[in-house]
C-alpha atoms as a PDB file:
ATOM      1  CA  MET A   1      27.014 -19.792  18.254  1.00  0.00           C
ATOM      2  CA  ASN A   2      27.089 -21.982  15.197  1.00  0.00           C
ATOM      3  CA  GLN A   3      27.444 -19.856  12.193  1.00  0.00           C
ATOM      4  CA  ARG A   4      26.381 -22.800   9.931  1.00  0.00           C
ATOM      5  CA  SER A   5      23.205 -24.047  11.073  1.00  0.00           C
ATOM      6  CA  GLN A   6      21.389 -26.833   9.195  1.00  0.00           C
ATOM      7  CA  VAL A   7      18.175 -25.509  10.771  1.00  0.00           C
ATOM      8  CA  THR A   8      15.085 -25.297   8.508  1.00  0.00           C
ATOM      9  CA  VAL A   9      12.223 -22.613   9.629  1.00  0.00           C
ATOM     10  CA  GLY A  10       8.724 -23.033   8.211  1.00  0.00           C
ATOM     11  CA  VAL A  11       7.040 -19.829   7.904  1.00  0.00           C
ATOM     12  CA  LEU A  12       3.439 -19.597   7.952  1.00  0.00           C
ATOM     13  CA  GLY A  13       2.814 -16.317   6.144  1.00  0.00           C
ATOM     14  CA  GLY A  14       0.566 -14.449   3.586  1.00  0.00           C
ATOM     15  CA  MET A  15      -1.358 -12.764   6.750  1.00  0.00           C
ATOM     16  CA  GLY A  16      -0.672  -9.921   5.069  1.00  0.00           C
ATOM     17  CA  PRO A  17       1.835 -10.666   2.211  1.00  0.00           C
ATOM     18  CA  GLU A  18       3.770  -7.272   2.987  1.00  0.00           C
ATOM     19  CA  ALA A  19       4.270  -8.104   6.580  1.00  0.00           C
ATOM     20  CA  THR A  20       5.535 -11.663   5.858  1.00  0.00           C
ATOM     21  CA  LEU A  21       7.847  -9.857   3.342  1.00  0.00           C
ATOM     22  CA  SER A  22       8.920  -7.631   6.009  1.00  0.00           C
ATOM     23  CA  PHE A  23       9.638 -10.449   8.420  1.00  0.00           C
ATOM     24  CA  PHE A  24      11.794 -11.993   5.712  1.00  0.00           C
ATOM     25  CA  ASP A  25      13.768  -8.594   5.065  1.00  0.00           C
ATOM     26  CA  LYS A  26      14.055  -8.302   8.456  1.00  0.00           C
ATOM     27  CA  VAL A  27      15.489 -11.882   9.182  1.00  0.00           C
ATOM     28  CA  LEU A  28      18.110 -11.408   6.475  1.00  0.00           C
ATOM     29  CA  ARG A  29      19.305  -7.943   7.744  1.00  0.00           C
ATOM     30  CA  THR A  30      19.148  -9.360  11.288  1.00  0.00           C
ATOM     31  CA  THR A  31      21.266 -12.436  10.587  1.00  0.00           C
ATOM     32  CA  ALA A  32      25.188 -11.733  11.424  1.00  0.00           C
ATOM     33  CA  SER A  33      26.808 -13.756   8.297  1.00  0.00           C
ATOM     34  CA  PRO A  34      29.822 -12.708   6.059  1.00  0.00           C
ATOM     35  CA  ASP A  35      28.264 -15.184   3.029  1.00  0.00           C
ATOM     36  CA  ASP A  36      25.185 -16.636   1.895  1.00  0.00           C
ATOM     37  CA  GLN A  37      25.786 -19.996   3.932  1.00  0.00           C
ATOM     38  CA  GLY A  38      25.536 -18.349   7.290  1.00  0.00           C
ATOM     39  CA  HIS A  39      21.810 -17.235   6.685  1.00  0.00           C
ATOM     40  CA  LEU A  40      18.544 -19.585   7.852  1.00  0.00           C
ATOM     41  CA  HIS A  41      16.971 -21.743   5.652  1.00  0.00           C
ATOM     42  CA  LEU A  42      13.547 -20.571   5.467  1.00  0.00           C
ATOM     43  CA  LEU A  43      10.601 -22.233   3.644  1.00  0.00           C
ATOM     44  CA  ILE A  44       7.753 -19.567   3.414  1.00  0.00           C
ATOM     45  CA  ASP A  45       4.169 -20.577   2.547  1.00  0.00           C
ATOM     46  CA  ASN A  46       2.778 -17.002   1.546  1.00  0.00           C
ATOM     47  CA  ASN A  47      -0.896 -18.054   1.515  1.00  0.00           C
ATOM     48  CA  PRO A  48      -2.877 -14.764   1.156  1.00  0.00           C
ATOM     49  CA  HIS A  49      -6.117 -16.767   0.971  1.00  0.00           C
ATOM     50  CA  VAL A  50      -6.080 -17.927   4.510  1.00  0.00           C
ATOM     51  CA  PRO A  51      -9.847 -16.590   5.663  1.00  0.00           C
ATOM     52  CA  ASP A  52     -10.041 -13.442   7.822  1.00  0.00           C
ATOM     53  CA  ARG A  53      -8.803 -13.945  11.285  1.00  0.00           C
ATOM     54  CA  ASN A  54     -10.991 -11.162  12.467  1.00  0.00           C
ATOM     55  CA  SER A  55     -14.111 -12.091  11.001  1.00  0.00           C
ATOM     56  CA  ALA A  56     -13.812 -15.722  11.964  1.00  0.00           C
ATOM     57  CA  VAL A  57     -13.054 -14.752  16.004  1.00  0.00           C
ATOM     58  CA  ALA A  58     -16.196 -12.373  15.685  1.00  0.00           C
ATOM     59  CA  GLY A  59     -18.156 -15.344  14.314  1.00  0.00           C
ATOM     60  CA  ARG A  60     -18.801 -13.737  10.997  1.00  0.00           C
ATOM     61  CA  GLY A  61     -16.660 -15.787   8.502  1.00  0.00           C
ATOM     62  CA  PRO A  62     -15.145 -19.146   7.805  1.00  0.00           C
ATOM     63  CA  SER A  63     -12.001 -20.153  10.493  1.00  0.00           C
ATOM     64  CA  PRO A  64      -8.787 -20.013   8.980  1.00  0.00           C
ATOM     65  CA  ALA A  65      -8.059 -23.148  11.446  1.00  0.00           C
ATOM     66  CA  PRO A  66      -7.946 -25.881   8.303  1.00  0.00           C
ATOM     67  CA  ALA A  67      -6.010 -23.647   5.975  1.00  0.00           C
ATOM     68  CA  LEU A  68      -3.444 -22.918   8.830  1.00  0.00           C
ATOM     69  CA  ALA A  69      -3.308 -26.542   9.229  1.00  0.00           C
ATOM     70  CA  GLU A  70      -2.668 -27.781   5.962  1.00  0.00           C
ATOM     71  CA  MET A  71       0.016 -24.955   5.981  1.00  0.00           C
ATOM     72  CA  ALA A  72       1.869 -26.334   9.080  1.00  0.00           C
ATOM     73  CA  HIS A  73       1.457 -29.802   7.699  1.00  0.00           C
ATOM     74  CA  ARG A  74       2.972 -29.009   4.243  1.00  0.00           C
ATOM     75  CA  LEU A  75       5.679 -27.393   5.773  1.00  0.00           C
ATOM     76  CA  GLU A  76       6.585 -29.929   8.402  1.00  0.00           C
ATOM     77  CA  VAL A  77       6.540 -32.591   5.081  1.00  0.00           C
ATOM     78  CA  ALA A  78       9.070 -30.316   3.378  1.00  0.00           C
ATOM     79  CA  GLY A  79      11.320 -30.230   5.838  1.00  0.00           C
ATOM     80  CA  ALA A  80      11.044 -27.479   8.277  1.00  0.00           C
ATOM     81  CA  ASP A  81      12.496 -28.190  12.185  1.00  0.00           C
ATOM     82  CA  TYR A  82      10.064 -25.692  13.678  1.00  0.00           C
ATOM     83  CA  LEU A  83       7.535 -23.173  12.712  1.00  0.00           C
ATOM     84  CA  VAL A  84       6.744 -19.386  13.070  1.00  0.00           C
ATOM     85  CA  MET A  85       3.989 -17.128  11.918  1.00  0.00           C
ATOM     86  CA  PRO A  86       4.365 -13.232  11.378  1.00  0.00           C
ATOM     87  CA  CYS A  87       0.685 -12.819  12.381  1.00  0.00           C
ATOM     88  CA  ASN A  88      -0.537 -12.079  15.730  1.00  0.00           C
ATOM     89  CA  ALA A  89      -4.362 -12.550  15.362  1.00  0.00           C
ATOM     90  CA  ALA A  90      -4.204 -15.797  13.736  1.00  0.00           C
ATOM     91  CA  HIS A  91      -2.425 -17.231  16.707  1.00  0.00           C
ATOM     92  CA  ALA A  92      -6.182 -17.325  18.177  1.00  0.00           C
ATOM     93  CA  PHE A  93      -6.190 -20.685  15.949  1.00  0.00           C
ATOM     94  CA  ARG A  94      -2.787 -21.851  17.397  1.00  0.00           C
ATOM     95  CA  ASP A  95      -4.117 -25.231  18.627  1.00  0.00           C
ATOM     96  CA  ALA A  96      -5.142 -26.290  15.364  1.00  0.00           C
ATOM     97  CA  ILE A  97      -1.483 -25.625  14.206  1.00  0.00           C
ATOM     98  CA  GLU A  98      -0.069 -27.528  16.772  1.00  0.00           C
ATOM     99  CA  GLN A  99      -2.250 -30.374  16.084  1.00  0.00           C
ATOM    100  CA  ALA A 100      -1.330 -30.857  12.745  1.00  0.00           C
ATOM    101  CA  VAL A 101       2.452 -31.175  13.065  1.00  0.00           C
ATOM    102  CA  SER A 102       4.937 -32.909  15.399  1.00  0.00           C
ATOM    103  CA  ILE A 103       7.395 -29.957  15.459  1.00  0.00           C
ATOM    104  CA  PRO A 104       7.583 -27.127  17.665  1.00  0.00           C
ATOM    105  CA  PHE A 105       5.521 -23.818  17.044  1.00  0.00           C
ATOM    106  CA  LEU A 106       7.291 -20.677  18.405  1.00  0.00           C
ATOM    107  CA  SER A 107       4.768 -18.510  19.267  1.00  0.00           C
ATOM    108  CA  ILE A 108       4.874 -14.695  18.400  1.00  0.00           C
ATOM    109  CA  ILE A 109       2.470 -13.745  21.613  1.00  0.00           C
ATOM    110  CA  ASP A 110       4.608 -15.991  24.060  1.00  0.00           C
ATOM    111  CA  GLU A 111       7.849 -14.458  22.654  1.00  0.00           C
ATOM    112  CA  THR A 112       6.605 -10.670  22.713  1.00  0.00           C
ATOM    113  CA  ARG A 113       5.514 -11.180  26.247  1.00  0.00           C
ATOM    114  CA  GLU A 114       9.083 -12.927  27.319  1.00  0.00           C
ATOM    115  CA  ALA A 115      10.734 -10.139  25.608  1.00  0.00           C
ATOM    116  CA  VAL A 116       8.734  -7.378  27.474  1.00  0.00           C
ATOM    117  CA  LEU A 117       9.036  -8.819  30.700  1.00  0.00           C
ATOM    118  CA  ARG A 118      13.027  -9.366  30.182  1.00  0.00           C
ATOM    119  CA  ALA A 119      13.490  -5.703  29.072  1.00  0.00           C
ATOM    120  CA  PHE A 120      10.949  -4.188  31.361  1.00  0.00           C
ATOM    121  CA  PRO A 121      10.720  -6.099  34.619  1.00  0.00           C
ATOM    122  CA  GLN A 122       9.158  -3.756  36.791  1.00  0.00           C
ATOM    123  CA  LEU A 123       6.149  -3.248  34.098  1.00  0.00           C
ATOM    124  CA  GLY A 124       2.623  -2.908  35.566  1.00  0.00           C
ATOM    125  CA  CYS A 125       0.462  -1.603  32.211  1.00  0.00           C
ATOM    126  CA  VAL A 126       1.184  -2.428  28.673  1.00  0.00           C
ATOM    127  CA  GLY A 127      -0.558  -0.826  25.681  1.00  0.00           C
ATOM    128  CA  VAL A 128      -1.347  -3.351  22.643  1.00  0.00           C
ATOM    129  CA  LEU A 129      -2.258  -2.091  19.214  1.00  0.00           C
ATOM    130  CA  ALA A 130      -3.582  -5.086  18.262  1.00  0.00           C
ATOM    131  CA  SER A 131      -6.610  -6.248  15.712  1.00  0.00           C
ATOM    132  CA  THR A 132      -9.920  -6.720  16.758  1.00  0.00           C
ATOM    133  CA  GLY A 133      -9.545 -10.865  16.333  1.00  0.00           C
ATOM    134  CA  CYS A 134      -6.256 -10.520  18.582  1.00  0.00           C
ATOM    135  CA  ILE A 135      -8.051  -8.230  21.157  1.00  0.00           C
ATOM    136  CA  ASP A 136     -11.150 -10.479  21.196  1.00  0.00           C
ATOM    137  CA  ALA A 137      -9.408 -13.611  21.611  1.00  0.00           C
ATOM    138  CA  ASN A 138      -7.593 -12.201  24.565  1.00  0.00           C
ATOM    139  CA  LEU A 139      -4.384 -13.359  23.317  1.00  0.00           C
ATOM    140  CA  TYR A 140      -2.048 -10.424  24.931  1.00  0.00           C
ATOM    141  CA  GLN A 141      -4.679 -10.168  27.857  1.00  0.00           C
ATOM    142  CA  ASP A 142      -4.236 -13.974  29.020  1.00  0.00           C
ATOM    143  CA  ALA A 143      -0.296 -13.710  27.976  1.00  0.00           C
ATOM    144  CA  PHE A 144       0.317 -10.790  30.483  1.00  0.00           C
ATOM    145  CA  ALA A 145      -2.422 -12.007  33.020  1.00  0.00           C
ATOM    146  CA  ALA A 146      -0.156 -14.235  35.099  1.00  0.00           C
ATOM    147  CA  ASP A 147       2.270 -11.448  35.804  1.00  0.00           C
ATOM    148  CA  ASN A 148      -0.598  -9.443  36.960  1.00  0.00           C
ATOM    149  CA  ILE A 149       0.110  -6.771  34.306  1.00  0.00           C
ATOM    150  CA  THR A 150      -2.710  -4.794  32.832  1.00  0.00           C
ATOM    151  CA  VAL A 151      -3.246  -4.833  29.230  1.00  0.00           C
ATOM    152  CA  LEU A 152      -4.930  -1.839  27.538  1.00  0.00           C
ATOM    153  CA  VAL A 153      -6.547  -2.200  24.042  1.00  0.00           C
ATOM    154  CA  PRO A 154      -7.883   0.287  21.530  1.00  0.00           C
ATOM    155  CA  GLU A 155     -11.498   1.059  22.452  1.00  0.00           C
ATOM    156  CA  GLY A 156     -14.436   2.495  21.201  1.00  0.00           C
ATOM    157  CA  GLU A 157     -13.744   4.833  17.945  1.00  0.00           C
ATOM    158  CA  ASP A 158     -10.171   3.945  18.218  1.00  0.00           C
ATOM    159  CA  ARG A 159     -10.684   0.268  17.664  1.00  0.00           C
ATOM    160  CA  VAL A 160     -12.875   1.059  14.690  1.00  0.00           C
ATOM    161  CA  CYS A 161     -10.389   3.425  13.544  1.00  0.00           C
ATOM    162  CA  PHE A 162      -7.252   1.008  13.973  1.00  0.00           C
ATOM    163  CA  MET A 163      -8.890  -1.612  11.995  1.00  0.00           C
ATOM    164  CA  ASP A 164      -9.676   0.757   9.127  1.00  0.00           C
ATOM    165  CA  LEU A 165      -5.749   1.710   9.344  1.00  0.00           C
ATOM    166  CA  VAL A 166      -4.673  -1.977   9.116  1.00  0.00           C
ATOM    167  CA  TYR A 167      -6.736  -2.402   6.216  1.00  0.00           C
ATOM    168  CA  ARG A 168      -5.463   0.649   4.582  1.00  0.00           C
ATOM    169  CA  VAL A 169      -1.861  -0.577   5.135  1.00  0.00           C
ATOM    170  CA  LYS A 170      -2.722  -4.074   3.777  1.00  0.00           C
ATOM    171  CA  SER A 171      -3.972  -2.027   0.516  1.00  0.00           C
ATOM    172  CA  GLY A 172      -0.369  -0.439   0.194  1.00  0.00           C
ATOM    173  CA  ASP A 173      -1.387   2.975   1.736  1.00  0.00           C
ATOM    174  CA  LYS A 174       1.631   3.852   4.068  1.00  0.00           C
ATOM    175  CA  SER A 175       0.919   7.553   3.879  1.00  0.00           C
ATOM    176  CA  ASP A 176       1.496  10.407   6.735  1.00  0.00           C
ATOM    177  CA  ALA A 177      -2.198  10.328   7.566  1.00  0.00           C
ATOM    178  CA  VAL A 178      -2.145   6.478   8.337  1.00  0.00           C
ATOM    179  CA  ARG A 179       1.124   7.151  10.473  1.00  0.00           C
ATOM    180  CA  ALA A 180      -0.380   9.963  12.376  1.00  0.00           C
ATOM    181  CA  GLY A 181      -3.614   7.792  13.010  1.00  0.00           C
ATOM    182  CA  MET A 182      -1.579   4.816  14.548  1.00  0.00           C
ATOM    183  CA  ARG A 183       0.428   7.533  16.379  1.00  0.00           C
ATOM    184  CA  ALA A 184      -2.840   8.836  17.697  1.00  0.00           C
ATOM    185  CA  ILE A 185      -4.369   5.754  18.766  1.00  0.00           C
ATOM    186  CA  ALA A 186      -1.154   4.466  20.726  1.00  0.00           C
ATOM    187  CA  GLU A 187      -0.701   7.941  22.511  1.00  0.00           C
ATOM    188  CA  ALA A 188      -4.678   7.466  23.530  1.00  0.00           C
ATOM    189  CA  LEU A 189      -3.166   4.436  25.276  1.00  0.00           C
ATOM    190  CA  ILE A 190      -0.230   5.990  26.944  1.00  0.00           C
ATOM    191  CA  ASP A 191      -2.677   8.948  28.216  1.00  0.00           C
ATOM    192  CA  ARG A 192      -4.840   5.997  29.624  1.00  0.00           C
ATOM    193  CA  GLY A 193      -1.795   4.611  31.446  1.00  0.00           C
ATOM    194  CA  ALA A 194       0.428   2.365  29.234  1.00  0.00           C
ATOM    195  CA  GLU A 195       4.140   2.286  30.416  1.00  0.00           C
ATOM    196  CA  LEU A 196       4.879   1.030  26.555  1.00  0.00           C
ATOM    197  CA  ILE A 197       3.219   0.093  23.736  1.00  0.00           C
ATOM    198  CA  VAL A 198       3.363  -3.448  21.818  1.00  0.00           C
ATOM    199  CA  ALA A 199       2.983  -3.429  18.138  1.00  0.00           C
ATOM    200  CA  GLY A 200       0.733  -6.295  18.219  1.00  0.00           C
ATOM    201  CA  CYS A 201      -0.187  -6.427  14.887  1.00  0.00           C
ATOM    202  CA  THR A 202       2.501  -6.916  12.213  1.00  0.00           C
ATOM    203  CA  GLU A 203       0.919  -4.127   9.908  1.00  0.00           C
ATOM    204  CA  VAL A 204       1.707  -1.694  12.747  1.00  0.00           C
ATOM    205  CA  PRO A 205       5.664  -1.481  12.034  1.00  0.00           C
ATOM    206  CA  LEU A 206       5.072  -1.024   8.276  1.00  0.00           C
ATOM    207  CA  VAL A 207       4.166   2.531   9.356  1.00  0.00           C
ATOM    208  CA  LEU A 208       4.945   3.026  12.835  1.00  0.00           C
ATOM    209  CA  SER A 209       8.541   3.145  14.526  1.00  0.00           C
ATOM    210  CA  GLY A 210       9.807   3.688  18.175  1.00  0.00           C
ATOM    211  CA  THR A 211      10.623   7.352  16.970  1.00  0.00           C
ATOM    212  CA  ASP A 212       7.097   8.044  16.798  1.00  0.00           C
ATOM    213  CA  LEU A 213       6.091   7.607  20.417  1.00  0.00           C
ATOM    214  CA  PRO A 214       7.481   9.247  23.640  1.00  0.00           C
ATOM    215  CA  LEU A 215       7.642   5.759  25.477  1.00  0.00           C
ATOM    216  CA  PRO A 216       9.112   2.505  23.789  1.00  0.00           C
ATOM    217  CA  LEU A 217       7.577   0.657  21.029  1.00  0.00           C
ATOM    218  CA  VAL A 218       7.933  -3.051  21.198  1.00  0.00           C
ATOM    219  CA  ASP A 219       7.748  -4.766  17.872  1.00  0.00           C
ATOM    220  CA  SER A 220       6.308  -8.131  18.121  1.00  0.00           C
ATOM    221  CA  SER A 221       7.687  -8.578  14.586  1.00  0.00           C
ATOM    222  CA  ASP A 222      10.945  -7.915  15.299  1.00  0.00           C
ATOM    223  CA  VAL A 223      10.894 -10.152  18.535  1.00  0.00           C
ATOM    224  CA  LEU A 224       9.999 -13.024  16.464  1.00  0.00           C
ATOM    225  CA  VAL A 225      12.700 -12.529  14.089  1.00  0.00           C
ATOM    226  CA  GLN A 226      14.913 -12.365  16.949  1.00  0.00           C
ATOM    227  CA  SER A 227      13.647 -15.723  18.389  1.00  0.00           C
ATOM    228  CA  THR A 228      13.632 -17.325  15.005  1.00  0.00           C
ATOM    229  CA  ILE A 229      17.105 -16.346  14.555  1.00  0.00           C
ATOM    230  CA  ARG A 230      18.228 -17.713  17.992  1.00  0.00           C
ATOM    231  CA  ARG A 231      16.354 -21.019  18.241  1.00  0.00           C
ATOM    232  CA  ALA A 232      18.370 -21.817  15.050  1.00  0.00           C
ATOM    233  CA  GLY A 233      21.529 -21.363  17.025  1.00  0.00           C
ATOM    234  CA  LEU A 234      22.567 -18.456  14.864  1.00  0.00           C
ATOM    235  CA  GLU A 235      23.596 -14.640  16.121  1.00  0.00           C
ATOM    236  CA  SER A 236      21.921 -11.318  15.328  1.00  0.00           C
ATOM    237  CA  GLY A 237      24.174  -8.525  13.853  1.00  0.00           C
END
């Protein structure tokens, strides 16, 4: 693989800011390079003013599509060769991004699906920890439908509790109580038949890791990091 990539990656970030920071940190730590020059050239548009994706999908707030399209165009003009976005729910507005640019957009949903299928080819049921916007837009349900894989998501009180936990993480609360709440919701999905859990919200891995669960946890943020590095022709360490 080429260790001196000239590729520039545009990152639509700020949804939320700490998840974007975590993505950047993971790209740096994961890229195998002995010096500065072997790392990726990243252009990060950290825009926390993008309208709330969950409210928009529910029809209770303005669409983030115009802001996302503007960000994508801005990154292309700045020199990005392809785009990534470390936010799952915002992929409900993927069309607006792709229509605004002529460069490829690497989907965290598609990449996570492919990673899961490669690692677990006999999978029949997956549990997804995702926000209401991601769930209601059927992002993971549609992604796995062609492979006849059942997708379980938080329901009822667990769905309400999950969103409360996500916003607590966004506010900076990464306490043991938040971690325990996330773990309990994941375990409820396992009890319902999930064979693995996908962290389908980039706030989840800020408090929950694979060691917290009895079954595998696939972090969509980690998957996007690996795909971003691989797409640039670099190696991960």
